[in-house]
Protein backbone atom coordinates (compact mmCIF):
# COMPACT_ATOMS: atom_id res chain seq x y z
CA MET A 1 77.34 6.46 130.42
CA LYS A 2 78.06 8.05 127.06
CA TYR A 3 81.36 9.83 126.51
CA VAL A 4 83.48 11.48 123.83
CA ILE A 5 87.16 12.44 123.66
CA VAL A 6 88.40 15.66 122.03
CA SER A 7 92.14 15.55 121.30
CA LYS A 8 94.64 18.31 120.57
CA GLY A 9 95.84 16.24 117.63
CA ASP A 10 99.54 15.86 118.44
CA GLU A 11 100.98 12.37 118.71
CA ARG A 12 101.01 12.24 122.51
CA SER A 13 97.40 13.41 122.78
CA LYS A 14 96.23 11.04 120.04
CA THR A 15 97.92 8.11 121.80
CA ILE A 16 96.23 8.96 125.09
CA LYS A 17 92.88 9.35 123.33
CA GLY A 18 93.25 5.93 121.71
CA THR A 19 94.20 4.29 124.99
CA MET A 20 91.31 5.85 126.89
CA LYS A 21 88.80 5.03 124.17
CA GLN A 22 89.85 1.38 124.03
CA TYR A 23 89.74 0.82 127.78
CA LEU A 24 86.49 2.71 128.32
CA GLN A 25 84.85 0.63 125.59
CA ASP A 26 86.16 -2.47 127.37
CA PHE A 27 84.25 -1.21 130.41
CA ASN A 28 81.12 -1.07 128.18
CA LEU A 29 80.89 2.72 128.08
CA GLU A 30 79.31 4.12 124.91
CA TYR A 31 81.23 6.49 122.64
CA ASP A 32 78.77 9.19 121.50
CA GLU A 33 79.94 12.21 119.49
CA LYS A 34 76.53 13.94 119.47
CA TYR A 35 75.13 13.87 122.99
CA PRO A 36 77.78 12.66 125.46
CA ASP A 37 77.32 12.69 129.21
CA LEU A 38 81.05 13.28 129.63
CA VAL A 39 83.44 15.19 127.36
CA ILE A 40 87.11 14.35 127.91
CA SER A 41 89.57 16.95 126.63
CA VAL A 42 93.10 15.72 125.93
CA GLY A 43 95.53 18.55 125.23
CA GLY A 44 95.78 22.06 126.61
CA ASP A 45 93.37 24.79 127.64
CA GLY A 46 92.86 25.60 123.96
CA THR A 47 91.65 22.05 123.37
CA PHE A 48 89.32 22.39 126.35
CA LEU A 49 87.83 25.58 124.87
CA GLU A 50 87.33 23.77 121.57
CA ALA A 51 85.55 20.91 123.37
CA PHE A 52 83.35 23.36 125.28
CA HIS A 53 82.19 25.15 122.12
CA ARG A 54 81.72 21.90 120.21
CA TYR A 55 79.27 20.66 122.87
CA ILE A 56 77.78 24.00 123.85
CA HIS A 57 74.40 22.73 122.65
CA CYS A 58 74.13 20.25 125.52
CA LEU A 59 75.57 22.08 128.54
CA LYS A 60 72.67 21.08 130.79
CA SER A 61 73.39 17.37 130.42
CA THR A 62 77.12 17.26 129.67
CA ALA A 63 80.09 17.50 132.03
CA PHE A 64 83.71 18.21 131.04
CA ILE A 65 87.04 16.93 132.30
CA GLY A 66 90.58 17.60 131.07
CA VAL A 67 93.80 15.64 130.67
CA HIS A 68 96.68 18.06 130.11
CA THR A 69 99.47 16.87 127.83
CA GLY A 70 101.57 20.01 128.18
CA HIS A 71 102.17 22.19 131.20
CA LEU A 72 99.37 22.12 133.74
CA GLY A 73 96.38 24.23 132.71
CA PHE A 74 93.41 25.66 134.48
CA TYR A 75 90.92 23.25 132.92
CA ALA A 76 92.86 20.03 133.48
CA ASP A 77 92.64 17.94 136.65
CA TRP A 78 94.71 15.07 135.27
CA VAL A 79 98.13 14.49 133.70
CA PRO A 80 99.23 11.63 131.38
CA ASP A 81 100.74 9.54 134.19
CA GLN A 82 97.29 9.40 135.82
CA VAL A 83 95.32 8.24 132.76
CA GLU A 84 94.98 4.64 133.97
CA LYS A 85 93.59 5.86 137.30
CA LEU A 86 91.22 8.25 135.51
CA ILE A 87 89.89 5.47 133.28
CA ILE A 88 89.01 3.38 136.35
CA GLU A 89 87.41 6.38 138.06
CA ILE A 90 85.25 7.13 135.00
CA ALA A 91 84.21 3.51 134.66
CA LYS A 92 83.58 2.75 138.33
CA THR A 93 82.92 5.99 140.25
CA PRO A 94 80.03 8.45 139.95
CA PHE A 95 81.58 11.87 139.46
CA GLN A 96 80.70 15.05 141.31
CA ILE A 97 79.59 18.14 139.41
CA VAL A 98 81.14 21.58 139.88
CA GLU A 99 79.50 24.43 137.97
CA TYR A 100 81.19 27.65 136.83
CA PRO A 101 79.50 30.80 135.46
CA LEU A 102 79.68 31.76 131.79
CA LEU A 103 79.61 35.07 129.91
CA GLU A 104 76.72 35.91 127.59
CA VAL A 105 77.45 38.31 124.74
CA ILE A 106 74.71 39.71 122.50
CA ILE A 107 75.68 41.75 119.43
CA ARG A 108 72.95 43.94 117.95
CA SER A 109 73.04 45.60 114.55
CA LYS A 110 71.84 49.11 113.66
CA SER A 111 69.71 47.56 110.93
CA GLY A 112 67.84 45.40 113.44
CA GLY A 113 67.06 41.81 112.60
CA THR A 114 68.52 38.77 114.30
CA GLU A 115 70.80 39.26 117.28
CA ASP A 116 74.04 37.31 117.50
CA LYS A 117 74.28 35.58 120.88
CA PHE A 118 77.38 33.83 122.20
CA LEU A 119 78.57 32.11 125.35
CA ALA A 120 82.18 32.44 126.49
CA LEU A 121 84.01 30.21 128.93
CA ASN A 122 87.03 32.53 129.19
CA GLU A 123 86.35 35.97 127.78
CA ALA A 124 85.16 38.25 125.01
CA THR A 125 87.36 41.01 123.61
CA ILE A 126 86.41 43.97 121.43
CA LYS A 127 89.07 45.65 119.28
CA THR A 128 89.33 47.38 115.93
CA ALA A 129 91.89 47.52 113.13
CA GLU A 130 90.88 51.14 112.45
CA GLY A 131 92.51 53.02 115.32
CA SER A 132 90.85 53.28 118.72
CA VAL A 133 87.50 51.94 119.87
CA VAL A 134 85.13 54.52 121.35
CA PHE A 135 82.22 53.27 123.47
CA ASP A 136 79.64 54.66 125.78
CA VAL A 137 79.63 52.18 128.66
CA GLU A 138 76.27 51.64 130.37
CA ILE A 139 75.79 49.61 133.53
CA LYS A 140 72.26 48.64 134.58
CA GLY A 141 70.87 51.01 131.94
CA GLU A 142 72.76 54.07 133.15
CA HIS A 143 75.73 55.79 131.52
CA PHE A 144 78.94 55.02 133.42
CA GLU A 145 81.76 56.34 131.22
CA THR A 146 82.94 56.99 127.68
CA PHE A 147 85.84 54.70 126.83
CA ARG A 148 88.46 55.35 124.20
CA GLY A 149 91.42 53.03 123.78
CA ASP A 150 92.72 49.86 122.19
CA GLY A 151 89.78 47.74 123.34
CA LEU A 152 87.92 46.06 126.16
CA CYS A 153 88.03 42.58 127.64
CA VAL A 154 85.05 41.04 129.44
CA SER A 155 85.97 37.86 131.29
CA THR A 156 84.40 35.14 133.39
CA PRO A 157 85.83 34.22 136.80
CA SER A 158 87.44 31.07 135.37
CA GLY A 159 88.81 33.18 132.51
CA SER A 160 90.11 35.87 134.84
CA THR A 161 93.50 34.11 134.91
CA ALA A 162 93.88 34.30 131.12
CA TYR A 163 93.97 37.46 128.95
CA ASN A 164 92.28 39.45 131.71
CA LYS A 165 95.23 38.85 134.05
CA ALA A 166 97.69 39.93 131.37
CA LEU A 167 95.78 43.23 131.14
CA GLY A 168 96.10 43.80 134.89
CA GLY A 169 92.67 42.46 135.84
CA GLY A 170 91.98 40.69 139.11
CA ILE A 171 91.70 36.95 139.65
CA ILE A 172 88.15 36.01 140.68
CA HIS A 173 87.16 32.72 142.29
CA PRO A 174 84.70 30.94 139.94
CA SER A 175 82.19 30.36 142.76
CA LEU A 176 81.34 34.05 142.36
CA GLU A 177 78.72 34.73 139.68
CA ALA A 178 80.27 37.79 138.11
CA ILE A 179 81.97 39.19 135.02
CA GLN A 180 84.96 41.51 134.83
CA LEU A 181 85.40 44.46 132.45
CA THR A 182 89.07 45.32 131.87
CA GLU A 183 90.51 48.11 129.75
CA MET A 184 93.14 47.86 127.03
CA ALA A 185 95.29 51.01 126.98
CA SER A 186 92.57 53.58 127.67
CA ILE A 187 93.06 57.21 126.65
CA ASN A 188 92.45 59.69 129.47
CA ASN A 189 92.36 63.43 128.80
CA ARG A 190 89.93 66.35 129.09
CA VAL A 191 87.53 64.72 126.62
CA PHE A 192 87.73 61.06 127.61
CA ARG A 193 87.91 59.94 131.21
CA THR A 194 87.61 56.32 132.33
CA ILE A 195 87.69 54.69 135.75
CA GLY A 196 91.08 53.17 134.89
CA SER A 197 90.44 50.03 136.94
CA PRO A 198 88.79 46.69 136.17
CA LEU A 199 85.08 46.57 137.00
CA ILE A 200 83.59 43.45 138.59
CA LEU A 201 79.86 43.19 137.90
CA PRO A 202 77.48 40.78 139.68
CA LYS A 203 75.06 38.61 137.75
CA HIS A 204 72.14 41.08 137.99
CA HIS A 205 74.19 43.91 136.41
CA THR A 206 74.23 44.14 132.61
CA CYS A 207 76.98 46.00 130.76
CA LEU A 208 76.06 47.63 127.44
CA LEU A 209 78.70 48.95 125.06
CA LYS A 210 77.48 51.49 122.47
CA PRO A 211 79.92 52.48 119.70
CA LEU A 212 80.26 56.24 119.15
CA VAL A 213 82.36 55.89 116.00
CA ASP A 214 81.06 53.92 113.03
CA ARG A 215 83.74 51.36 112.18
CA SER A 216 84.32 47.62 112.05
CA PHE A 217 85.09 45.68 115.20
CA LEU A 218 87.06 42.51 115.80
CA ILE A 219 85.10 40.61 118.42
CA THR A 220 86.68 37.51 119.91
CA ILE A 221 84.69 34.92 121.87
CA ASP A 222 87.28 32.69 123.58
CA HIS A 223 89.40 31.62 120.57
CA PHE A 224 86.96 32.56 117.77
CA THR A 225 87.25 35.99 116.09
CA GLU A 226 84.73 37.64 113.76
CA SER A 227 84.61 41.08 112.13
CA TYR A 228 81.42 43.11 112.66
CA THR A 229 80.22 46.31 111.04
CA ASN A 230 77.16 48.48 111.66
CA VAL A 231 77.16 47.54 115.35
CA LYS A 232 74.48 49.18 117.49
CA SER A 233 75.45 47.66 120.83
CA ILE A 234 77.29 44.82 122.54
CA GLN A 235 75.59 43.48 125.65
CA CYS A 236 77.53 41.51 128.26
CA ARG A 237 76.25 39.79 131.39
CA VAL A 238 76.49 36.62 133.41
CA ALA A 239 74.77 33.90 131.39
CA LYS A 240 71.88 31.81 132.64
CA GLU A 241 73.75 28.77 131.35
CA ARG A 242 76.65 27.29 133.31
CA VAL A 243 79.48 24.93 132.45
CA ARG A 244 79.61 21.65 134.37
CA PHE A 245 82.92 20.05 135.35
CA ALA A 246 83.26 16.41 136.33
CA ARG A 247 85.30 15.99 139.50
CA PHE A 248 86.71 12.68 140.71
CA LYS A 249 89.06 14.38 143.18
CA PRO A 250 89.38 17.83 144.75
CA PHE A 251 91.56 20.37 142.99
CA PRO A 252 90.92 23.79 144.59
CA PHE A 253 90.97 26.84 142.35
CA TRP A 254 93.70 28.55 144.36
CA ASP A 255 95.87 25.46 143.93
CA ARG A 256 95.48 25.92 140.19
CA VAL A 257 96.49 29.56 140.49
CA ARG A 258 99.52 28.68 142.61
CA ASP A 259 100.58 25.86 140.29
CA SER A 260 100.34 28.08 137.21
CA PHE A 261 101.88 31.30 138.49
CA VAL A 262 103.77 30.66 141.73
CA ALA A 263 104.98 27.03 141.96
CA ASP A 264 108.66 26.47 141.16
CA ASP A 265 108.16 23.55 138.78
CA ASP A 266 105.64 21.05 137.49
CA SER A 267 106.70 18.40 140.00
CA ASP A 268 105.10 20.42 142.81
CA SER A 269 101.75 20.54 141.05
CA ILE A 270 101.89 16.87 140.02
CA LYS A 271 102.68 15.91 143.60
CA ARG A 272 99.64 17.84 144.84
CA SER A 273 97.35 16.39 142.17
CA ASN A 274 98.41 12.90 143.26
CA SER A 275 97.64 13.59 146.91
């Protein structure tokens, strides 16, 4: 099996990366930075997002697993004290695959030409530095509402616990193939009227955002932000592609939610992950 390790870059993460790399090579596993079968993220959820986008070109054949060197994150099944056990599992045990849905974002320009297509593991956000954003929101090709406010967030189920949750969006189990559209400080008056609640769209429903005011937009895909002008539309839907996670032990999604938002301390979550 071919593998690669993406590290956060701090001393603790670099030490763990070095240890894992040495032992996995001793087990005759091949280190391959171009087309790995397994991507090991050592750091936090930000490091995991970086690893995902670095190997987005080989999602069909690559699985991801995380070692969290900070507080427990949503994309990490393992903690530093379990690295030795993880090394043995990787070397000796075939892993199971769990797949989560992704978000596809297509940005089209008024001038035509090439479309910009992106995949997001967590979410996409649309904001502007020039006041409010104003969009006609279409769902399945029909006008749904005209939105005016600070911006919009479109999240995946696995990303529903991130920025989406901070905006008041719901937490969605990642077995559901859906996306969630959540408002940022919408303006509601006699001219503009929005639903005022997050919208959960199934995979066969496409959301199309059409700007009504010509201005530049700051569009963020996970942790990457670009400025766009002359935007004709922004299309969001459940992607055909999926992210694959390597599982050597069960770690239910609701356990992750509890450990991150409800559990009293990290010892509770570590105890459960060891069970």
